[in-house]
Amino acid sequence: MTEAPLFRINHILSVRPQKLSNMTILSPSVIWVRAGYKRLLGHQKPLALDEQSLLLVRSHERLTFENQPRQAVFRSCQVCFHHYPAAEMLAYSQSISSSEQVLFKLTQDLRQALEILCRLDHRLMSHAVQRYWLDGFYQLLAEKGMLHHLFDPVGKSLQETLSEHLSATPEKSYRLDTVCLDLGMSRSTLIRRLHRENTSFREVLHQVRMNHAIILLQQGGYDLPDIALACGYLSTQRFCQRFREQFGVTFRQYEKTLTVSS
């Protein structure tokens, strides 16, 4: 069985204003706008993430935002991390910065590091090689006092571990008992620990599937029935209902932001 990668790159495109509510970021992520800007809503005042800044998001935070094209296009890159840095690196980051800021300046060295990461093909690398690349990037973030804004110092949560497991096959009809066996814990322990994190198995599965729907829409080439099935829904009507409940827009409304001719 192929090992799951330690990082993933998601590319987001829109040619029209593209708004999503309650988008769950499943793993620690750096969001980098390449063209246009992203209006971050839900704060005391809206924030604008542009081509000169970065957004660092911890796992399972929720974002409400609107992607705004500039010169007819919006493009962004989300780097998702599944490898946690050493505790000493996180402690160092915290020791040099007590800032509570949300956005960070995209300096030339950060831009260069991100450009390299976005060109890497994890399929050609062992986990050991991926860790070396990522630890170098983490060191750069730590020296800028940014790393602890990306990773929780207490380590990976159960819902993050669970979402990584479910993301491998989001179309699968999961049984809780089987997942517990896969994760090596009892049913009662999994339920109790997820409850402590203010979530549930069904909620994590739902978030994984909705994220997968956005990824497939962005990749293009899939119609509605294909995407519904790939997200574990036999009924397109039920899938569309859950999509709208989650994101505050319909499937077709989001689809229309991807092409000029829609």
C-alpha atoms as a PDB file:
ATOM      1  CA  MET A   1       0.000   0.000   0.000  1.00  0.00           C
ATOM      2  CA  THR A   2       1.336   3.461  -0.938  1.00  0.00           C
ATOM      3  CA  GLU A   3       2.239   5.636   2.029  1.00  0.00           C
ATOM      4  CA  ALA A   4       0.107   8.732   2.507  1.00  0.00           C
ATOM      5  CA  PRO A   5       2.099  11.883   1.690  1.00  0.00           C
ATOM      6  CA  LEU A   6       3.335  14.146   4.484  1.00  0.00           C
ATOM      7  CA  PHE A   7       2.170  17.253   2.608  1.00  0.00           C
ATOM      8  CA  ARG A   8      -0.330  18.080  -0.115  1.00  0.00           C
ATOM      9  CA  ILE A   9      -0.838  21.045  -2.414  1.00  0.00           C
ATOM     10  CA  ASN A  10      -4.355  22.236  -3.277  1.00  0.00           C
ATOM     11  CA  HIS A  11      -4.764  24.844  -6.016  1.00  0.00           C
ATOM     12  CA  ILE A  12      -7.826  27.106  -5.953  1.00  0.00           C
ATOM     13  CA  LEU A  13      -9.105  29.077  -8.952  1.00  0.00           C
ATOM     14  CA  SER A  14     -12.006  31.408  -9.609  1.00  0.00           C
ATOM     15  CA  VAL A  15     -12.904  33.853 -12.362  1.00  0.00           C
ATOM     16  CA  ARG A  16     -15.786  35.386 -10.393  1.00  0.00           C
ATOM     17  CA  PRO A  17     -16.239  36.312  -6.722  1.00  0.00           C
ATOM     18  CA  GLN A  18     -16.276  32.995  -4.874  1.00  0.00           C
ATOM     19  CA  LYS A  19     -17.688  32.911  -1.346  1.00  0.00           C
ATOM     20  CA  LEU A  20     -17.662  29.959   1.048  1.00  0.00           C
ATOM     21  CA  SER A  21     -18.851  29.797   4.645  1.00  0.00           C
ATOM     22  CA  ASN A  22     -17.577  27.444   7.353  1.00  0.00           C
ATOM     23  CA  MET A  23     -14.806  25.873   5.296  1.00  0.00           C
ATOM     24  CA  THR A  24     -13.015  23.456   7.623  1.00  0.00           C
ATOM     25  CA  ILE A  25      -9.240  23.366   7.236  1.00  0.00           C
ATOM     26  CA  LEU A  26      -8.557  19.695   7.941  1.00  0.00           C
ATOM     27  CA  SER A  27      -4.810  19.930   8.544  1.00  0.00           C
ATOM     28  CA  PRO A  28      -2.314  22.710   9.359  1.00  0.00           C
ATOM     29  CA  SER A  29      -2.134  24.836   6.221  1.00  0.00           C
ATOM     30  CA  VAL A  30      -0.338  27.786   4.693  1.00  0.00           C
ATOM     31  CA  ILE A  31      -2.595  29.679   2.295  1.00  0.00           C
ATOM     32  CA  TRP A  32      -0.781  31.689  -0.364  1.00  0.00           C
ATOM     33  CA  VAL A  33      -2.666  33.938  -2.791  1.00  0.00           C
ATOM     34  CA  ARG A  34      -0.982  34.064  -6.200  1.00  0.00           C
ATOM     35  CA  ALA A  35      -3.457  36.382  -7.976  1.00  0.00           C
ATOM     36  CA  GLY A  36      -6.350  38.463  -6.636  1.00  0.00           C
ATOM     37  CA  TYR A  37      -7.149  38.564  -2.934  1.00  0.00           C
ATOM     38  CA  LYS A  38      -9.111  36.665  -0.306  1.00  0.00           C
ATOM     39  CA  ARG A  39     -11.496  38.567   1.987  1.00  0.00           C
ATOM     40  CA  LEU A  40     -11.543  36.856   5.378  1.00  0.00           C
ATOM     41  CA  LEU A  41     -14.912  37.333   7.023  1.00  0.00           C
ATOM     42  CA  GLY A  42     -16.008  36.481  10.547  1.00  0.00           C
ATOM     43  CA  HIS A  43     -13.423  38.706  12.243  1.00  0.00           C
ATOM     44  CA  GLN A  44     -14.199  41.985  14.007  1.00  0.00           C
ATOM     45  CA  LYS A  45     -13.427  43.592  10.670  1.00  0.00           C
ATOM     46  CA  PRO A  46     -12.836  41.867   7.322  1.00  0.00           C
ATOM     47  CA  LEU A  47      -9.194  41.133   6.515  1.00  0.00           C
ATOM     48  CA  ALA A  48      -7.674  40.988   3.044  1.00  0.00           C
ATOM     49  CA  LEU A  49      -5.145  38.293   2.188  1.00  0.00           C
ATOM     50  CA  ASP A  50      -3.277  39.431  -0.914  1.00  0.00           C
ATOM     51  CA  GLU A  51      -0.194  38.419  -2.880  1.00  0.00           C
ATOM     52  CA  GLN A  52       2.106  40.032  -0.305  1.00  0.00           C
ATOM     53  CA  SER A  53       0.892  38.091   2.727  1.00  0.00           C
ATOM     54  CA  LEU A  54       0.330  34.569   4.047  1.00  0.00           C
ATOM     55  CA  LEU A  55      -2.400  33.019   6.160  1.00  0.00           C
ATOM     56  CA  LEU A  56      -1.406  30.277   8.610  1.00  0.00           C
ATOM     57  CA  VAL A  57      -4.271  28.073   9.802  1.00  0.00           C
ATOM     58  CA  ARG A  58      -4.251  25.307  12.405  1.00  0.00           C
ATOM     59  CA  SER A  59      -6.119  22.075  11.785  1.00  0.00           C
ATOM     60  CA  HIS A  60      -9.907  22.087  11.987  1.00  0.00           C
ATOM     61  CA  GLU A  61     -10.242  25.838  12.142  1.00  0.00           C
ATOM     62  CA  ARG A  62     -13.145  27.148  10.074  1.00  0.00           C
ATOM     63  CA  LEU A  63     -12.895  29.991   7.598  1.00  0.00           C
ATOM     64  CA  THR A  64     -15.561  32.123   5.964  1.00  0.00           C
ATOM     65  CA  PHE A  65     -14.168  34.039   3.017  1.00  0.00           C
ATOM     66  CA  GLU A  66     -14.686  35.456  -0.448  1.00  0.00           C
ATOM     67  CA  ASN A  67     -12.102  34.996  -3.192  1.00  0.00           C
ATOM     68  CA  GLN A  68     -11.907  38.110  -5.360  1.00  0.00           C
ATOM     69  CA  PRO A  69     -10.358  37.925  -8.839  1.00  0.00           C
ATOM     70  CA  ARG A  70      -7.953  40.599  -9.997  1.00  0.00           C
ATOM     71  CA  GLN A  71      -7.537  41.059 -13.749  1.00  0.00           C
ATOM     72  CA  ALA A  72     -10.173  38.350 -14.282  1.00  0.00           C
ATOM     73  CA  VAL A  73      -8.650  35.597 -12.137  1.00  0.00           C
ATOM     74  CA  PHE A  74      -8.120  34.486  -8.546  1.00  0.00           C
ATOM     75  CA  ARG A  75      -5.483  31.845  -7.830  1.00  0.00           C
ATOM     76  CA  SER A  76      -4.250  30.524  -4.526  1.00  0.00           C
ATOM     77  CA  CYS A  77      -2.204  27.644  -3.212  1.00  0.00           C
ATOM     78  CA  GLN A  78      -2.919  25.769   0.025  1.00  0.00           C
ATOM     79  CA  VAL A  79      -0.026  23.736   1.415  1.00  0.00           C
ATOM     80  CA  CYS A  80      -1.400  21.118   3.836  1.00  0.00           C
ATOM     81  CA  PHE A  81       0.979  19.517   6.335  1.00  0.00           C
ATOM     82  CA  HIS A  82       0.659  16.043   7.883  1.00  0.00           C
ATOM     83  CA  HIS A  83       4.083  15.967   9.555  1.00  0.00           C
ATOM     84  CA  TYR A  84       4.452  17.785  12.882  1.00  0.00           C
ATOM     85  CA  PRO A  85       7.659  19.637  13.812  1.00  0.00           C
ATOM     86  CA  ALA A  86       9.752  18.830  16.869  1.00  0.00           C
ATOM     87  CA  ALA A  87       8.541  20.289  20.166  1.00  0.00           C
ATOM     88  CA  GLU A  88      11.819  22.213  20.509  1.00  0.00           C
ATOM     89  CA  MET A  89      11.193  23.981  17.211  1.00  0.00           C
ATOM     90  CA  LEU A  90       7.691  25.021  18.291  1.00  0.00           C
ATOM     91  CA  ALA A  91       8.994  26.239  21.656  1.00  0.00           C
ATOM     92  CA  TYR A  92      11.652  28.316  19.889  1.00  0.00           C
ATOM     93  CA  SER A  93       9.022  29.900  17.656  1.00  0.00           C
ATOM     94  CA  GLN A  94       6.920  30.823  20.681  1.00  0.00           C
ATOM     95  CA  SER A  95       9.927  32.243  22.516  1.00  0.00           C
ATOM     96  CA  ILE A  96      10.611  34.896  19.890  1.00  0.00           C
ATOM     97  CA  SER A  97       7.050  35.980  19.120  1.00  0.00           C
ATOM     98  CA  SER A  98       3.980  36.565  21.277  1.00  0.00           C
ATOM     99  CA  SER A  99       2.019  38.062  18.399  1.00  0.00           C
ATOM    100  CA  GLU A 100      -1.614  37.054  17.904  1.00  0.00           C
ATOM    101  CA  GLN A 101      -1.692  38.226  14.291  1.00  0.00           C
ATOM    102  CA  VAL A 102      -3.537  36.270  11.617  1.00  0.00           C
ATOM    103  CA  LEU A 103      -1.733  37.421   8.473  1.00  0.00           C
ATOM    104  CA  PHE A 104       2.026  37.390   7.916  1.00  0.00           C
ATOM    105  CA  LYS A 105       4.197  39.245   5.430  1.00  0.00           C
ATOM    106  CA  LEU A 106       5.387  37.128   2.506  1.00  0.00           C
ATOM    107  CA  THR A 107       9.126  37.795   2.576  1.00  0.00           C
ATOM    108  CA  GLN A 108      11.453  36.834  -0.251  1.00  0.00           C
ATOM    109  CA  ASP A 109      12.846  33.795   1.587  1.00  0.00           C
ATOM    110  CA  LEU A 110       9.337  32.530   2.391  1.00  0.00           C
ATOM    111  CA  ARG A 111       8.284  32.999  -1.229  1.00  0.00           C
ATOM    112  CA  GLN A 112      11.302  31.051  -2.447  1.00  0.00           C
ATOM    113  CA  ALA A 113      10.659  28.199   0.020  1.00  0.00           C
ATOM    114  CA  LEU A 114       6.985  27.981  -0.939  1.00  0.00           C
ATOM    115  CA  GLU A 115       7.777  27.974  -4.642  1.00  0.00           C
ATOM    116  CA  ILE A 116      10.093  25.008  -4.070  1.00  0.00           C
ATOM    117  CA  LEU A 117       7.515  23.137  -1.958  1.00  0.00           C
ATOM    118  CA  CYS A 118       4.816  23.665  -4.569  1.00  0.00           C
ATOM    119  CA  ARG A 119       7.037  22.157  -7.265  1.00  0.00           C
ATOM    120  CA  LEU A 120       7.956  19.033  -5.290  1.00  0.00           C
ATOM    121  CA  ASP A 121       6.315  15.741  -6.251  1.00  0.00           C
ATOM    122  CA  HIS A 122       5.838  13.742  -3.049  1.00  0.00           C
ATOM    123  CA  ARG A 123       5.210  10.611  -5.118  1.00  0.00           C
ATOM    124  CA  LEU A 124       8.920  10.521  -5.925  1.00  0.00           C
ATOM    125  CA  MET A 125      10.003  10.778  -2.277  1.00  0.00           C
ATOM    126  CA  SER A 126      10.148   8.505   0.725  1.00  0.00           C
ATOM    127  CA  HIS A 127       8.744   9.773   4.021  1.00  0.00           C
ATOM    128  CA  ALA A 128      12.303  10.357   5.246  1.00  0.00           C
ATOM    129  CA  VAL A 129      13.068  12.665   2.315  1.00  0.00           C
ATOM    130  CA  GLN A 130       9.755  14.506   2.708  1.00  0.00           C
ATOM    131  CA  ARG A 131      10.522  15.093   6.405  1.00  0.00           C
ATOM    132  CA  TYR A 132      13.888  16.662   5.555  1.00  0.00           C
ATOM    133  CA  TRP A 133      12.255  19.098   3.131  1.00  0.00           C
ATOM    134  CA  LEU A 134       9.469  19.975   5.574  1.00  0.00           C
ATOM    135  CA  ASP A 135      11.734  20.379   8.597  1.00  0.00           C
ATOM    136  CA  GLY A 136      13.784  22.913   6.657  1.00  0.00           C
ATOM    137  CA  PHE A 137      10.646  24.915   5.907  1.00  0.00           C
ATOM    138  CA  TYR A 138       9.519  24.613   9.534  1.00  0.00           C
ATOM    139  CA  GLN A 139      12.888  25.951  10.708  1.00  0.00           C
ATOM    140  CA  LEU A 140      12.387  29.016   8.517  1.00  0.00           C
ATOM    141  CA  LEU A 141       8.928  29.587  10.031  1.00  0.00           C
ATOM    142  CA  ALA A 142      10.275  29.069  13.559  1.00  0.00           C
ATOM    143  CA  GLU A 143      13.002  31.670  13.071  1.00  0.00           C
ATOM    144  CA  LYS A 144      10.288  34.159  12.110  1.00  0.00           C
ATOM    145  CA  GLY A 145       8.091  33.284  15.113  1.00  0.00           C
ATOM    146  CA  MET A 146       5.397  31.859  12.835  1.00  0.00           C
ATOM    147  CA  LEU A 147       5.558  28.093  13.321  1.00  0.00           C
ATOM    148  CA  HIS A 148       3.408  27.920  16.469  1.00  0.00           C
ATOM    149  CA  HIS A 149       0.626  29.736  14.608  1.00  0.00           C
ATOM    150  CA  LEU A 150       0.493  26.763  12.244  1.00  0.00           C
ATOM    151  CA  PHE A 151       0.821  23.818  14.652  1.00  0.00           C
ATOM    152  CA  ASP A 152      -0.773  23.307  18.051  1.00  0.00           C
ATOM    153  CA  PRO A 153       2.048  22.709  20.585  1.00  0.00           C
ATOM    154  CA  VAL A 154       0.028  19.887  22.207  1.00  0.00           C
ATOM    155  CA  GLY A 155       0.358  17.839  19.019  1.00  0.00           C
ATOM    156  CA  LYS A 156      -2.007  16.243  16.533  1.00  0.00           C
ATOM    157  CA  SER A 157      -5.637  15.987  17.642  1.00  0.00           C
ATOM    158  CA  LEU A 158      -7.732  12.854  17.210  1.00  0.00           C
ATOM    159  CA  GLN A 159     -10.033  14.582  14.733  1.00  0.00           C
ATOM    160  CA  GLU A 160      -7.006  15.460  12.605  1.00  0.00           C
ATOM    161  CA  THR A 161      -5.776  11.851  12.731  1.00  0.00           C
ATOM    162  CA  LEU A 162      -9.282  10.644  11.895  1.00  0.00           C
ATOM    163  CA  SER A 163      -9.718  13.074   9.006  1.00  0.00           C
ATOM    164  CA  GLU A 164      -6.392  11.939   7.504  1.00  0.00           C
ATOM    165  CA  HIS A 165      -7.580   8.331   7.704  1.00  0.00           C
ATOM    166  CA  LEU A 166     -10.977   9.075   6.135  1.00  0.00           C
ATOM    167  CA  SER A 167      -9.514  11.321   3.419  1.00  0.00           C
ATOM    168  CA  ALA A 168      -7.809   8.338   1.791  1.00  0.00           C
ATOM    169  CA  THR A 169     -11.197   7.002   0.602  1.00  0.00           C
ATOM    170  CA  PRO A 170     -13.947   9.571   1.288  1.00  0.00           C
ATOM    171  CA  GLU A 171     -16.382   7.684  -0.951  1.00  0.00           C
ATOM    172  CA  LYS A 172     -16.322   4.626   1.302  1.00  0.00           C
ATOM    173  CA  SER A 173     -19.314   3.660   3.455  1.00  0.00           C
ATOM    174  CA  TYR A 174     -17.611   3.728   6.840  1.00  0.00           C
ATOM    175  CA  ARG A 175     -18.591   1.761   9.909  1.00  0.00           C
ATOM    176  CA  LEU A 176     -17.476   3.191  13.216  1.00  0.00           C
ATOM    177  CA  ASP A 177     -16.344  -0.184  14.580  1.00  0.00           C
ATOM    178  CA  THR A 178     -14.111  -0.782  11.554  1.00  0.00           C
ATOM    179  CA  VAL A 179     -12.535   2.666  11.841  1.00  0.00           C
ATOM    180  CA  CYS A 180     -11.848   2.034  15.531  1.00  0.00           C
ATOM    181  CA  LEU A 181      -9.989  -1.141  14.596  1.00  0.00           C
ATOM    182  CA  ASP A 182      -7.986   0.771  11.986  1.00  0.00           C
ATOM    183  CA  LEU A 183      -7.005   3.408  14.562  1.00  0.00           C
ATOM    184  CA  GLY A 184      -6.340   0.878  17.305  1.00  0.00           C
ATOM    185  CA  MET A 185      -8.808   2.148  19.882  1.00  0.00           C
ATOM    186  CA  SER A 186     -12.147   1.143  21.323  1.00  0.00           C
ATOM    187  CA  ARG A 187     -15.442   2.588  20.162  1.00  0.00           C
ATOM    188  CA  SER A 188     -16.080   4.244  23.536  1.00  0.00           C
ATOM    189  CA  THR A 189     -12.603   5.812  23.604  1.00  0.00           C
ATOM    190  CA  LEU A 190     -12.950   7.276  20.116  1.00  0.00           C
ATOM    191  CA  ILE A 191     -16.398   8.701  20.859  1.00  0.00           C
ATOM    192  CA  ARG A 192     -15.260  10.122  24.200  1.00  0.00           C
ATOM    193  CA  ARG A 193     -12.115  11.745  22.820  1.00  0.00           C
ATOM    194  CA  LEU A 194     -13.953  13.268  19.858  1.00  0.00           C
ATOM    195  CA  HIS A 195     -16.602  14.602  22.234  1.00  0.00           C
ATOM    196  CA  ARG A 196     -13.798  16.209  24.249  1.00  0.00           C
ATOM    197  CA  GLU A 197     -12.729  17.939  21.018  1.00  0.00           C
ATOM    198  CA  ASN A 198     -16.338  19.132  20.482  1.00  0.00           C
ATOM    199  CA  THR A 199     -16.977  16.964  17.456  1.00  0.00           C
ATOM    200  CA  SER A 200     -18.163  13.504  16.418  1.00  0.00           C
ATOM    201  CA  PHE A 201     -17.295  10.753  13.962  1.00  0.00           C
ATOM    202  CA  ARG A 202     -20.134  11.744  11.614  1.00  0.00           C
ATOM    203  CA  GLU A 203     -19.135  15.404  11.711  1.00  0.00           C
ATOM    204  CA  VAL A 204     -15.503  14.659  10.843  1.00  0.00           C
ATOM    205  CA  LEU A 205     -16.597  12.372   7.986  1.00  0.00           C
ATOM    206  CA  HIS A 206     -18.917  15.087   6.681  1.00  0.00           C
ATOM    207  CA  GLN A 207     -16.134  17.697   6.728  1.00  0.00           C
ATOM    208  CA  VAL A 208     -13.772  15.338   4.902  1.00  0.00           C
ATOM    209  CA  ARG A 209     -16.354  14.692   2.187  1.00  0.00           C
ATOM    210  CA  MET A 210     -17.232  18.362   1.708  1.00  0.00           C
ATOM    211  CA  ASN A 211     -13.543  19.270   1.404  1.00  0.00           C
ATOM    212  CA  HIS A 212     -13.152  16.507  -1.166  1.00  0.00           C
ATOM    213  CA  ALA A 213     -16.056  17.951  -3.152  1.00  0.00           C
ATOM    214  CA  ILE A 214     -14.302  21.324  -3.395  1.00  0.00           C
ATOM    215  CA  ILE A 215     -11.053  19.646  -4.486  1.00  0.00           C
ATOM    216  CA  LEU A 216     -12.848  17.719  -7.258  1.00  0.00           C
ATOM    217  CA  LEU A 217     -14.685  20.829  -8.441  1.00  0.00           C
ATOM    218  CA  GLN A 218     -11.383  22.681  -8.629  1.00  0.00           C
ATOM    219  CA  GLN A 219      -9.716  19.854 -10.541  1.00  0.00           C
ATOM    220  CA  GLY A 220     -12.476  19.919 -13.163  1.00  0.00           C
ATOM    221  CA  GLY A 221     -13.674  17.146 -15.445  1.00  0.00           C
ATOM    222  CA  TYR A 222     -16.278  15.725 -13.050  1.00  0.00           C
ATOM    223  CA  ASP A 223     -20.038  16.146 -13.248  1.00  0.00           C
ATOM    224  CA  LEU A 224     -22.411  16.328 -10.297  1.00  0.00           C
ATOM    225  CA  PRO A 225     -23.250  12.579 -10.054  1.00  0.00           C
ATOM    226  CA  ASP A 226     -19.545  11.685 -10.187  1.00  0.00           C
ATOM    227  CA  ILE A 227     -18.668  14.119  -7.408  1.00  0.00           C
ATOM    228  CA  ALA A 228     -21.584  13.000  -5.245  1.00  0.00           C
ATOM    229  CA  LEU A 229     -20.495   9.348  -5.547  1.00  0.00           C
ATOM    230  CA  ALA A 230     -16.855  10.246  -4.900  1.00  0.00           C
ATOM    231  CA  CYS A 231     -18.001  11.880  -1.674  1.00  0.00           C
ATOM    232  CA  GLY A 232     -20.035   8.887  -0.516  1.00  0.00           C
ATOM    233  CA  TYR A 233     -23.513  10.056  -1.586  1.00  0.00           C
ATOM    234  CA  LEU A 234     -25.769   7.874  -3.729  1.00  0.00           C
ATOM    235  CA  SER A 235     -28.321  10.697  -3.949  1.00  0.00           C
ATOM    236  CA  THR A 236     -27.258  13.867  -5.769  1.00  0.00           C
ATOM    237  CA  GLN A 237     -30.156  15.684  -4.115  1.00  0.00           C
ATOM    238  CA  ARG A 238     -28.898  14.772  -0.647  1.00  0.00           C
ATOM    239  CA  PHE A 239     -25.350  15.711  -1.597  1.00  0.00           C
ATOM    240  CA  CYS A 240     -26.431  19.126  -2.909  1.00  0.00           C
ATOM    241  CA  GLN A 241     -28.426  19.734   0.256  1.00  0.00           C
ATOM    242  CA  ARG A 242     -25.411  18.984   2.468  1.00  0.00           C
ATOM    243  CA  PHE A 243     -23.159  21.121   0.243  1.00  0.00           C
ATOM    244  CA  ARG A 244     -25.443  24.130   0.608  1.00  0.00           C
ATOM    245  CA  GLU A 245     -25.888  23.608   4.348  1.00  0.00           C
ATOM    246  CA  GLN A 246     -22.129  23.478   4.778  1.00  0.00           C
ATOM    247  CA  PHE A 247     -20.927  26.302   2.561  1.00  0.00           C
ATOM    248  CA  GLY A 248     -23.881  28.667   2.251  1.00  0.00           C
ATOM    249  CA  VAL A 249     -23.908  28.405  -1.563  1.00  0.00           C
ATOM    250  CA  THR A 250     -25.353  25.825  -3.922  1.00  0.00           C
ATOM    251  CA  PHE A 251     -23.218  23.387  -5.881  1.00  0.00           C
ATOM    252  CA  ARG A 252     -24.151  25.141  -9.148  1.00  0.00           C
ATOM    253  CA  GLN A 253     -23.395  28.600  -7.739  1.00  0.00           C
ATOM    254  CA  TYR A 254     -19.896  27.493  -6.798  1.00  0.00           C
ATOM    255  CA  GLU A 255     -19.427  25.723 -10.127  1.00  0.00           C
ATOM    256  CA  LYS A 256     -20.238  28.944 -11.999  1.00  0.00           C
ATOM    257  CA  THR A 257     -17.301  30.738 -10.362  1.00  0.00           C
ATOM    258  CA  LEU A 258     -14.852  28.393 -12.089  1.00  0.00           C
ATOM    259  CA  THR A 259     -15.464  29.236 -15.751  1.00  0.00           C
ATOM    260  CA  VAL A 260     -16.317  32.380 -17.684  1.00  0.00           C
ATOM    261  CA  SER A 261     -18.919  30.594 -19.826  1.00  0.00           C
ATOM    262  CA  SER A 262     -20.959  29.109 -16.927  1.00  0.00           C
END
